[in-house]
Amino acid sequence: MSAPIVLLSLISAALSSNVLDLTASTFDEVVNGDKNVFVEFYAPWCGHCKALAPEYEIVADAYAKESNVAIAKVDCTIEKDIASRFGVTGYPTLKFFKKGKTEPEAYSSGRTADDIVSFINRESGSRGFIKKAASTVVQLDSSNFDSIALNANNDVLVEFYAPWCGHCKKLTPIYEEVGKTFKSDKNCVVAKVDADSEKELGSRFGVSGFPTIKFFSKDNKEGEAYNGGRGEEDFTKYLNEKCGLKRVSGGGLAGDAGRIEALDVLAAKFMGAEEKAAVMEETVVASADMEKEAQYYHKVMKKVIEKGDDFINTETSRLSRMLEGSMSDEKKDQFTVRLNVLGAFASSADDHTEL
C-alpha cells in the first residue's frame, strides 16, 4: 500500500481528528523520511497523556494544511513492538522524525500546543499556526506597560505569569472570563504580562513566583498585591469595589447599577403624589451634583406627567425588546441602567392602588 493511500485511510478513520493513529502496519509507511513527523507514544490510561490530548489536537490542527508535517500518535499498550523499537519506557514519550531521517530525536520541551508548534516550526521550517479566539485580556510588555498600567486614568489588574507555570494555565480560562466581564469598561483593565519573557518588568515589580497578581489603581502605581481568591466571582467582586463598578459575570450590569438611593426615595414619593410636578422639582435640586443617571429620574418623571403612570410599563417593555436585539456594549449598558431606574418607579407604583 502506498504512503498516500495509507494517509488517506488514516484520516478517513478519524474524521474528527487531525492526529494520525499509527499502527504496526502503517508506521513505517508514514515515518519514511518523506516528511517531518511528530509522534506521541502514549497509553490510554496515562493521566499525563490525557492532559496532553487537547493540546495535541491543537497541534495537529495547526498543520492540517501542511503537506510537509504530520502529527501522529502510537498506542503503546497495543503496539508494544513499536514502543520497544524506539526505547519507550514512560508515557507520554514525544519524538520528532525530521524529514530525510527515520531515526528520531527526543522532544523534552514544554507540553503546551504553543511549545510544540514552536519546536516543529523551528525544526521543519514550516509555518504551523494555532488559531486562537480573540482575548479580552490585554497583553502587556515593555512597549505598552507604562502607557496602560501606569496611566493615571486607568485601574489595571495585572497577572504576571509564565507560559510553563501549571497554576497560570489553570487560571487562564478564569482570567479570560474576568476580562470578558470588564471589557466594556475602558478604564478598568484586565491585563497580563509574560514575566518569563519580560524579565525586566517582573524584576521591576518584585515578581518572584507565578502567577503574581497586582492591582495598579489610578492613585497607586506601585502595584498593590492581590491576595484574594482565584475564582471568577472573587476577581469580579474585587474589581467592582476597586473600580466603582457593578458588573456581573459575562459583562452585564447588576440590577442596582445606575440606581441612586436618595432618588429612589423621591421616585416612590412621586408615584404616590397628587402634585407630581412639585416632587419633580425636588428631584432637580437633589440631583444637581449627581451623575447623568440622575437626569434620567427627572426625565421619567416628566414623561409620567405628560403621558400618565402607564409610561413606566410601556417604556420598560420597549427597552426590554430593544435589549434583545443587536447593539453595542455601550448601548446595552445605557438601556440596562434605564431599565434599572424604571424599576424604582415600577416597584413604587405597585404599592399604590391608583395603578
Protein backbone atom coordinates (compact mmCIF):
# COMPACT_ATOMS: atom_id res chain seq x y z
CA MET A 1 0.00 0.00 0.00
CA SER A 2 1.44 3.41 -0.99
CA ALA A 3 2.01 6.18 1.55
CA PRO A 4 -0.73 8.48 0.14
CA ILE A 5 -3.30 5.68 0.40
CA VAL A 6 -2.18 4.91 3.96
CA LEU A 7 -2.55 8.55 4.93
CA LEU A 8 -5.98 8.78 3.30
CA SER A 9 -7.24 5.71 5.14
CA LEU A 10 -5.91 7.01 8.44
CA ILE A 11 -7.65 10.33 8.01
CA SER A 12 -10.89 8.67 6.97
CA ALA A 13 -10.78 6.52 10.10
CA ALA A 14 -10.57 9.55 12.34
CA LEU A 15 -12.58 12.31 10.72
CA SER A 16 -12.87 14.25 13.97
CA SER A 17 -9.11 14.43 14.48
CA ASN A 18 -6.06 15.57 12.52
CA VAL A 19 -3.83 13.30 14.64
CA LEU A 20 -2.78 10.18 12.69
CA ASP A 21 -3.23 6.97 14.68
CA LEU A 22 -0.27 4.79 13.66
CA THR A 23 -0.07 1.01 13.96
CA ALA A 24 2.47 -1.68 13.09
CA SER A 25 1.06 -1.84 9.56
CA THR A 26 1.18 1.90 8.89
CA PHE A 27 4.07 3.30 10.96
CA ASP A 28 6.92 2.74 8.51
CA GLU A 29 4.93 3.97 5.53
CA VAL A 30 4.22 7.26 7.28
CA VAL A 31 7.55 7.65 9.08
CA ASN A 32 9.69 7.01 5.99
CA GLY A 33 11.67 10.23 5.64
CA ASP A 34 9.32 11.85 3.13
CA LYS A 35 8.08 14.42 5.62
CA ASN A 36 8.55 15.69 9.17
CA VAL A 37 6.60 13.55 11.63
CA PHE A 38 5.99 14.36 15.29
CA VAL A 39 4.89 11.29 17.25
CA GLU A 40 3.36 10.84 20.69
CA PHE A 41 3.88 7.39 22.19
CA TYR A 42 1.10 7.05 24.75
CA ALA A 43 -1.03 4.76 26.90
CA PRO A 44 -4.81 5.32 27.12
CA TRP A 45 -4.78 5.02 30.93
CA CYS A 46 -1.97 7.56 31.40
CA GLY A 47 -3.07 10.75 33.21
CA HIS A 48 -0.34 12.88 31.63
CA CYS A 49 -1.36 11.61 28.20
CA LYS A 50 -4.98 12.57 28.86
CA ALA A 51 -3.86 16.04 29.94
CA LEU A 52 -1.81 16.41 26.76
CA ALA A 53 -4.60 15.19 24.44
CA PRO A 54 -6.45 18.51 23.89
CA GLU A 55 -3.18 20.38 23.36
CA TYR A 56 -2.03 17.71 20.91
CA GLU A 57 -5.24 18.10 18.92
CA ILE A 58 -4.49 21.82 18.62
CA VAL A 59 -1.01 21.00 17.35
CA ALA A 60 -2.47 18.67 14.71
CA ASP A 61 -4.98 21.32 13.64
CA ALA A 62 -2.10 23.78 13.20
CA TYR A 63 -0.62 21.52 10.49
CA ALA A 64 -3.84 20.28 8.91
CA LYS A 65 -2.98 22.03 5.62
CA GLU A 66 0.79 21.40 5.78
CA SER A 67 1.85 18.55 3.49
CA ASN A 68 5.37 18.70 4.92
CA VAL A 69 4.37 17.84 8.51
CA ALA A 70 2.36 15.01 10.05
CA ILE A 71 1.25 14.80 13.68
CA ALA A 72 0.79 11.22 14.87
CA LYS A 73 0.40 9.01 17.90
CA VAL A 74 1.01 5.36 18.82
CA ASP A 75 -0.95 3.42 21.44
CA CYS A 76 1.94 1.59 23.12
CA THR A 77 -0.35 -0.74 25.08
CA ILE A 78 -1.28 -2.27 21.71
CA GLU A 79 1.81 -1.55 19.59
CA LYS A 80 4.36 -2.91 22.04
CA ASP A 81 6.90 -3.76 19.31
CA ILE A 82 6.98 -0.14 18.09
CA ALA A 83 7.37 1.12 21.66
CA SER A 84 10.26 -1.28 22.25
CA ARG A 85 11.89 -0.38 18.94
CA PHE A 86 12.13 3.28 19.94
CA GLY A 87 13.00 2.72 23.58
CA VAL A 88 9.75 3.99 25.02
CA THR A 89 9.64 3.34 28.78
CA GLY A 90 7.29 6.07 30.01
CA TYR A 91 4.25 7.97 28.83
CA PRO A 92 3.85 10.20 27.03
CA THR A 93 7.13 9.98 25.10
CA LEU A 94 7.39 12.53 22.30
CA LYS A 95 9.75 12.11 19.36
CA PHE A 96 10.41 14.09 16.21
CA PHE A 97 11.32 12.37 12.94
CA LYS A 98 12.89 15.03 10.77
CA LYS A 99 12.37 14.90 7.00
CA GLY A 100 15.05 12.75 5.42
CA LYS A 101 15.52 10.63 8.55
CA THR A 102 13.82 7.63 10.10
CA GLU A 103 15.65 7.86 13.40
CA PRO A 104 14.05 10.33 15.83
CA GLU A 105 15.27 12.98 18.19
CA ALA A 106 13.68 13.15 21.63
CA TYR A 107 11.43 16.08 22.42
CA SER A 108 11.72 17.24 26.02
CA SER A 109 10.42 20.81 25.99
CA GLY A 110 7.05 22.21 27.14
CA ARG A 111 3.77 20.36 26.70
CA THR A 112 1.55 23.21 25.52
CA ALA A 113 0.43 23.46 21.90
CA ASP A 114 2.45 26.68 21.61
CA ASP A 115 5.59 24.93 22.84
CA ILE A 116 5.26 22.00 20.44
CA VAL A 117 4.31 24.11 17.42
CA SER A 118 7.23 26.46 18.03
CA PHE A 119 9.58 23.45 18.10
CA ILE A 120 8.18 21.88 14.92
CA ASN A 121 8.25 25.19 13.04
CA ARG A 122 11.85 25.75 14.05
CA GLU A 123 12.98 22.24 13.13
CA SER A 124 10.97 21.82 9.95
CA GLY A 125 10.86 25.33 8.54
CA SER A 126 7.07 25.05 8.38
CA ARG A 127 4.57 27.69 9.39
CA GLY A 128 2.09 25.87 11.56
CA PHE A 129 -0.35 28.34 13.05
CA ILE A 130 -2.59 27.99 16.09
CA LYS A 131 -5.95 29.65 15.67
CA LYS A 132 -6.83 31.39 18.90
CA ALA A 133 -10.01 33.09 19.97
CA ALA A 134 -9.64 36.81 20.47
CA SER A 135 -8.69 37.52 24.06
CA THR A 136 -10.35 40.18 26.21
CA VAL A 137 -7.28 40.22 28.47
CA VAL A 138 -4.81 42.92 27.42
CA GLN A 139 -1.31 41.56 26.73
CA LEU A 140 1.30 43.89 28.21
CA ASP A 141 5.03 44.04 27.53
CA SER A 142 7.82 46.58 27.85
CA SER A 143 6.44 48.59 24.93
CA ASN A 144 2.98 49.28 26.37
CA PHE A 145 3.08 48.53 30.11
CA ASP A 146 3.63 52.11 31.28
CA SER A 147 1.11 53.63 28.89
CA ILE A 148 -1.64 51.27 30.09
CA ALA A 149 -0.91 50.04 33.62
CA LEU A 150 0.68 53.29 34.80
CA ASN A 151 -1.82 55.56 33.05
CA ALA A 152 -3.36 57.83 35.71
CA ASN A 153 -6.81 57.35 34.12
CA ASN A 154 -6.75 53.57 34.45
CA ASP A 155 -7.32 50.99 37.16
CA VAL A 156 -5.47 47.89 35.97
CA LEU A 157 -5.32 44.32 37.28
CA VAL A 158 -2.16 42.60 36.03
CA GLU A 159 -1.28 38.92 36.11
CA PHE A 160 2.46 38.26 35.87
CA TYR A 161 2.68 34.70 34.52
CA ALA A 162 4.99 32.18 32.89
CA PRO A 163 3.81 30.00 29.97
CA TRP A 164 5.14 26.84 31.62
CA CYS A 165 3.52 27.51 35.01
CA GLY A 166 0.80 24.99 35.90
CA HIS A 167 -1.06 27.36 38.22
CA CYS A 168 -1.04 30.00 35.48
CA LYS A 169 -2.52 27.56 32.97
CA LYS A 170 -5.27 26.68 35.44
CA LEU A 171 -6.03 30.37 35.95
CA THR A 172 -6.13 31.23 32.22
CA PRO A 173 -9.79 30.37 31.43
CA ILE A 174 -10.97 32.04 34.64
CA TYR A 175 -8.95 35.17 33.93
CA GLU A 176 -10.33 35.27 30.37
CA GLU A 177 -13.87 35.31 31.79
CA VAL A 178 -12.91 38.20 34.07
CA GLY A 179 -11.55 40.06 31.04
CA LYS A 180 -14.84 39.46 29.24
CA THR A 181 -16.80 40.80 32.21
CA PHE A 182 -14.94 44.13 32.23
CA LYS A 183 -14.18 44.54 28.52
CA SER A 184 -16.68 47.39 28.16
CA ASP A 185 -15.05 49.44 30.92
CA LYS A 186 -12.19 51.21 29.17
CA ASN A 187 -10.60 52.43 32.40
CA CYS A 188 -10.93 49.18 34.37
CA VAL A 189 -8.44 46.96 32.55
CA VAL A 190 -7.73 43.24 32.96
CA ALA A 191 -4.20 42.56 31.72
CA LYS A 192 -1.30 40.09 31.83
CA VAL A 193 2.46 40.02 31.36
CA ASP A 194 4.59 37.07 30.28
CA ALA A 195 7.16 37.67 33.01
CA ASP A 196 9.27 34.76 31.77
CA SER A 197 9.97 36.75 28.59
CA GLU A 198 9.62 40.21 30.13
CA LYS A 199 12.07 39.59 32.95
CA GLU A 200 12.82 43.28 33.47
CA LEU A 201 9.15 44.04 34.10
CA GLY A 202 8.92 41.12 36.52
CA SER A 203 12.01 42.30 38.39
CA ARG A 204 10.80 45.90 38.42
CA PHE A 205 7.66 44.91 40.33
CA GLY A 206 9.21 42.28 42.59
CA VAL A 207 7.76 39.22 40.88
CA SER A 208 9.40 36.09 42.28
CA GLY A 209 6.72 33.45 41.64
CA PHE A 210 3.91 32.71 39.23
CA PRO A 211 1.24 33.77 38.93
CA THR A 212 1.74 37.08 40.76
CA ILE A 213 -1.25 39.42 40.53
CA LYS A 214 -1.04 43.14 41.22
CA PHE A 215 -3.56 45.96 41.03
CA PHE A 216 -2.41 49.32 39.68
CA SER A 217 -5.06 51.82 40.74
CA LYS A 218 -5.37 55.37 39.46
CA ASP A 219 -3.81 56.53 42.72
CA ASN A 220 -1.21 53.81 43.35
CA LYS A 221 1.13 52.92 40.51
CA GLU A 222 3.50 50.95 42.74
CA GLY A 223 1.15 47.99 42.39
CA GLU A 224 -0.96 46.58 45.22
CA ALA A 225 -0.64 42.81 45.75
CA TYR A 226 -3.82 40.88 45.06
CA ASN A 227 -4.22 38.15 47.67
CA GLY A 228 -7.86 37.27 47.14
CA GLY A 229 -9.43 34.11 45.79
CA ARG A 230 -8.73 32.80 42.30
CA GLY A 231 -12.35 32.27 41.26
CA GLU A 232 -14.17 34.41 38.71
CA GLU A 233 -16.54 35.75 41.37
CA ASP A 234 -13.58 36.72 43.58
CA PHE A 235 -11.97 38.79 40.85
CA THR A 236 -15.27 40.33 39.79
CA LYS A 237 -16.14 41.43 43.32
CA TYR A 238 -12.64 42.84 43.81
CA LEU A 239 -12.67 44.87 40.59
CA ASN A 240 -16.20 46.14 41.16
CA GLU A 241 -15.08 47.51 44.53
CA LYS A 242 -11.79 48.92 43.25
CA CYS A 243 -13.17 50.41 40.03
CA GLY A 244 -16.51 51.56 41.46
CA LEU A 245 -18.50 49.35 39.10
CA LYS A 246 -21.42 46.93 39.27
CA ARG A 247 -20.59 44.27 36.71
CA VAL A 248 -21.88 40.71 36.71
CA SER A 249 -20.24 37.69 35.13
CA GLY A 250 -20.31 37.90 31.34
CA GLY A 251 -20.21 41.69 31.21
CA GLY A 252 -23.75 42.74 32.09
CA LEU A 253 -24.75 45.18 34.81
CA ALA A 254 -26.24 44.35 38.20
CA GLY A 255 -29.87 45.17 38.87
CA ASP A 256 -28.98 48.18 41.02
CA ALA A 257 -26.49 49.73 38.58
CA GLY A 258 -27.42 53.36 37.99
CA ARG A 259 -29.81 53.47 40.92
CA ILE A 260 -29.39 56.31 43.42
CA GLU A 261 -30.85 55.70 46.85
CA ALA A 262 -31.94 59.29 47.51
CA LEU A 263 -33.70 59.46 44.15
CA ASP A 264 -35.33 56.06 44.67
CA VAL A 265 -36.99 57.60 47.71
CA LEU A 266 -38.23 60.51 45.60
CA ALA A 267 -39.42 58.09 42.88
CA ALA A 268 -41.64 56.39 45.47
CA LYS A 269 -42.89 59.73 46.69
CA PHE A 270 -43.54 60.86 43.10
CA MET A 271 -45.64 57.86 42.15
CA GLY A 272 -47.89 58.35 45.19
CA ALA A 273 -48.18 62.14 44.94
CA GLU A 274 -51.14 64.06 43.58
CA GLU A 275 -48.90 67.08 42.87
CA LYS A 276 -46.22 65.26 40.91
CA ALA A 277 -44.67 68.44 39.48
CA ALA A 278 -43.62 69.56 42.96
CA VAL A 279 -41.81 66.27 43.59
CA MET A 280 -40.13 66.55 40.19
CA GLU A 281 -38.70 69.90 41.26
CA GLU A 282 -37.30 68.24 44.40
CA THR A 283 -35.53 65.79 42.12
CA VAL A 284 -33.87 68.59 40.15
CA VAL A 285 -32.45 70.02 43.39
CA ALA A 286 -31.40 66.60 44.76
CA SER A 287 -29.66 65.55 41.55
CA ALA A 288 -27.80 68.78 40.86
CA ASP A 289 -24.41 67.31 41.75
CA MET A 290 -25.08 63.72 40.68
CA GLU A 291 -24.24 61.65 37.64
CA LYS A 292 -26.18 61.52 34.38
CA GLU A 293 -28.29 58.64 35.74
CA ALA A 294 -29.91 61.23 38.00
CA GLN A 295 -31.06 63.13 34.94
CA TYR A 296 -32.98 60.06 33.81
CA TYR A 297 -35.02 60.04 37.04
CA HIS A 298 -36.10 63.59 36.16
CA LYS A 299 -36.84 62.60 32.55
CA VAL A 300 -39.02 59.69 33.67
CA MET A 301 -41.00 61.97 35.99
CA LYS A 302 -41.53 64.46 33.18
CA LYS A 303 -42.81 61.69 30.85
CA VAL A 304 -45.16 60.33 33.53
CA ILE A 305 -46.66 63.79 34.00
CA GLU A 306 -47.11 64.09 30.21
CA LYS A 307 -48.32 60.55 29.42
CA GLY A 308 -49.61 59.10 32.67
CA ASP A 309 -48.39 56.44 35.06
CA ASP A 310 -48.57 53.71 32.42
CA PHE A 311 -45.50 55.21 30.77
CA ILE A 312 -43.42 53.16 33.23
CA ASN A 313 -44.77 49.86 31.89
CA THR A 314 -44.72 50.79 28.20
CA GLU A 315 -41.16 52.15 28.36
CA THR A 316 -39.96 49.13 30.32
CA SER A 317 -41.40 46.83 27.65
CA ARG A 318 -39.89 48.90 24.84
CA LEU A 319 -36.37 48.90 26.30
CA SER A 320 -36.59 45.19 27.11
CA ARG A 321 -37.41 44.42 23.48
CA MET A 322 -34.55 46.56 22.25
CA LEU A 323 -32.09 44.79 24.54
CA GLU A 324 -32.98 41.50 22.85
CA GLY A 325 -31.58 42.84 19.58
CA SER A 326 -28.03 43.51 18.43
CA MET A 327 -26.34 46.63 19.77
CA SER A 328 -23.03 47.91 21.09
CA ASP A 329 -21.92 47.16 24.65
CA GLU A 330 -22.21 50.86 25.42
CA LYS A 331 -25.85 50.91 24.33
CA LYS A 332 -26.60 47.76 26.31
CA ASP A 333 -25.22 49.41 29.44
CA GLN A 334 -27.22 52.56 28.77
CA PHE A 335 -30.50 50.72 28.31
CA THR A 336 -29.86 48.43 31.28
CA VAL A 337 -29.34 51.43 33.56
CA ARG A 338 -32.56 52.98 32.28
CA LEU A 339 -34.44 49.76 32.97
CA ASN A 340 -32.99 49.66 36.47
CA VAL A 341 -34.16 53.22 37.14
CA LEU A 342 -37.59 52.46 35.71
CA GLY A 343 -37.68 49.59 38.19
CA ALA A 344 -37.54 52.10 41.05
CA PHE A 345 -40.72 53.72 39.73
CA ALA A 346 -42.42 50.42 38.90
CA SER A 347 -41.93 48.94 42.37
CA SER A 348 -43.27 52.15 43.87
CA ALA A 349 -46.24 52.18 41.54
CA ASP A 350 -47.19 48.66 42.61
CA ASP A 351 -47.75 49.96 46.13
CA HIS A 352 -50.38 52.44 45.02
CA THR A 353 -53.96 51.45 44.28
CA GLU A 354 -54.28 54.11 41.62
CA LEU A 355 -52.39 51.71 39.32
